[in-house]
Amino acid sequence: MVNKMNFLTIDEYINQFPPEIQEKLKALRAIIGETAPEATEKISYQMPTFYLNGNLVHFAAYKIHIGFYPTPSGIMAFQSQLTGYKTSKGAVQFPIKEKLPFDLISAIVKFRVEENKHKAEKKRKK
């Protein structure tokens, strides 16, 4: 489903999909942005990415799922809440046909914000 092209913006990435997928991606983008308002948006690894003292989370749409990439620590911290989804070391797959779990996504993003802020503070103290 994903075109292999170089996207410069998250809007470009989202606009390549059919309207019903665009709607899900826009909603996901909005919840991440509301949860981490100080994060900036960019394309990294050809995926929409939120950045705050390093990559915070990525997301991407595929044929049957939306991939959400909160790093391995984000997956491990929420393992018990992710049992109904397919996961790997640093990713979770949300089926396209199901509603996105916005409360869970928001909690994971908050966790990642705190984790990245903590890492940045430790670097500054060195």
Foldseek 3Di string as FASTA:
>chain_A
DFDPDADWFQCVRLVVDPPLSSVQVVVLVVLLCVLCVVWDWGQDPNFIFTDDLHTQWTWHDDDFWIKIFRAQVLCVVCVVVLVVFDDDNGITTHTSVDHDPSVSSSVSSNVSNVVSVVVVVVVVVD
